[in-house]
Amino acid sequence: MEIKVLGTGCPRCKTLEKTTRDVVSEMGIDATIEKEEDIVKIMGYGIMHTPALVINGKVVLSGRVPSASEVKEVLSKNK
């Protein structure tokens, strides 16, 4: 599984990255997690608000910081 956290480095983006890493570790998912901070690349995903979570090239969340349980649910659905 390929996971990207899109965000320019704001506290909300960092929170999403940490939550995602924690959940992936807790669930034992084999995934690569990348933090994308390049605004041009972020815009290429067509999102208007960060942070955003991309799984296997598909934007699954954007514009808010989800709870850990919501991240678990999204990861489970997109394995």
Protein backbone atom coordinates (compact mmCIF):
# COMPACT_ATOMS: atom_id res chain seq x y z
CA MET A 1 0.00 0.00 0.00
CA GLU A 2 1.28 3.45 -0.90
CA ILE A 3 0.14 6.27 1.37
CA LYS A 4 0.83 9.98 0.92
CA VAL A 5 0.05 12.75 3.35
CA LEU A 6 -0.36 16.00 1.44
CA GLY A 7 0.37 19.22 3.26
CA THR A 8 2.77 22.13 3.42
CA GLY A 9 4.01 21.40 6.94
CA CYS A 10 1.33 23.04 9.07
CA PRO A 11 0.46 21.54 12.48
CA ARG A 12 -2.69 19.87 11.07
CA CYS A 13 -0.64 18.20 8.33
CA LYS A 14 1.88 16.94 10.87
CA THR A 15 -0.93 15.60 13.05
CA LEU A 16 -2.40 13.65 10.11
CA GLU A 17 1.02 12.23 9.27
CA LYS A 18 1.62 11.10 12.86
CA THR A 19 -1.87 9.61 13.20
CA THR A 20 -1.48 7.76 9.90
CA ARG A 21 1.93 6.36 10.87
CA ASP A 22 0.59 5.28 14.28
CA VAL A 23 -2.45 3.55 12.78
CA VAL A 24 -0.42 1.77 10.07
CA SER A 25 1.96 0.50 12.74
CA GLU A 26 -0.86 -0.54 15.07
CA MET A 27 -2.69 -2.39 12.29
CA GLY A 28 0.47 -4.05 11.00
CA ILE A 29 -0.15 -2.84 7.45
CA ASP A 30 2.67 -3.18 4.93
CA ALA A 31 2.76 0.36 3.57
CA THR A 32 5.09 3.09 2.50
CA ILE A 33 4.17 6.50 3.89
CA GLU A 34 5.40 9.64 2.19
CA LYS A 35 4.86 13.27 3.21
CA GLU A 36 4.36 15.51 0.18
CA GLU A 37 5.01 19.20 0.85
CA ASP A 38 5.53 20.47 -2.71
CA ILE A 39 2.53 22.71 -3.37
CA VAL A 40 2.65 22.10 -7.14
CA LYS A 41 2.48 18.33 -6.64
CA ILE A 42 -0.29 18.76 -4.04
CA MET A 43 -2.30 20.85 -6.50
CA GLY A 44 -1.91 18.03 -9.03
CA TYR A 45 -4.25 15.94 -6.88
CA GLY A 46 -7.03 18.49 -7.37
CA ILE A 47 -7.62 19.20 -3.69
CA MET A 48 -8.52 22.64 -2.39
CA HIS A 49 -7.67 22.18 1.29
CA THR A 50 -4.94 20.38 3.18
CA PRO A 51 -4.19 18.14 4.87
CA ALA A 52 -5.12 15.28 2.59
CA LEU A 53 -4.62 11.54 2.64
CA VAL A 54 -3.90 9.66 -0.59
CA ILE A 55 -3.96 5.86 -0.74
CA ASN A 56 -2.63 4.12 -3.84
CA GLY A 57 -2.98 7.34 -5.86
CA LYS A 58 -6.57 8.09 -4.77
CA VAL A 59 -7.49 11.02 -2.51
CA VAL A 60 -9.55 9.54 0.33
CA LEU A 61 -9.66 12.49 2.77
CA SER A 62 -8.96 16.21 2.52
CA GLY A 63 -9.42 19.47 4.36
CA ARG A 64 -9.51 18.13 7.90
CA VAL A 65 -7.73 15.98 10.45
CA PRO A 66 -9.62 12.71 10.93
CA SER A 67 -9.67 10.73 14.16
CA ALA A 68 -7.48 7.63 14.48
CA SER A 69 -10.58 5.42 14.20
CA GLU A 70 -11.56 7.14 10.96
CA VAL A 71 -8.05 6.62 9.55
CA LYS A 72 -8.32 2.91 10.49
CA GLU A 73 -11.64 2.67 8.67
CA VAL A 74 -10.28 4.37 5.55
CA LEU A 75 -7.18 2.17 5.49
CA SER A 76 -9.28 -0.97 5.92
CA LYS A 77 -11.53 -0.01 3.01
CA ASN A 78 -8.61 0.80 0.71
CA LYS A 79 -6.26 -2.15 1.29
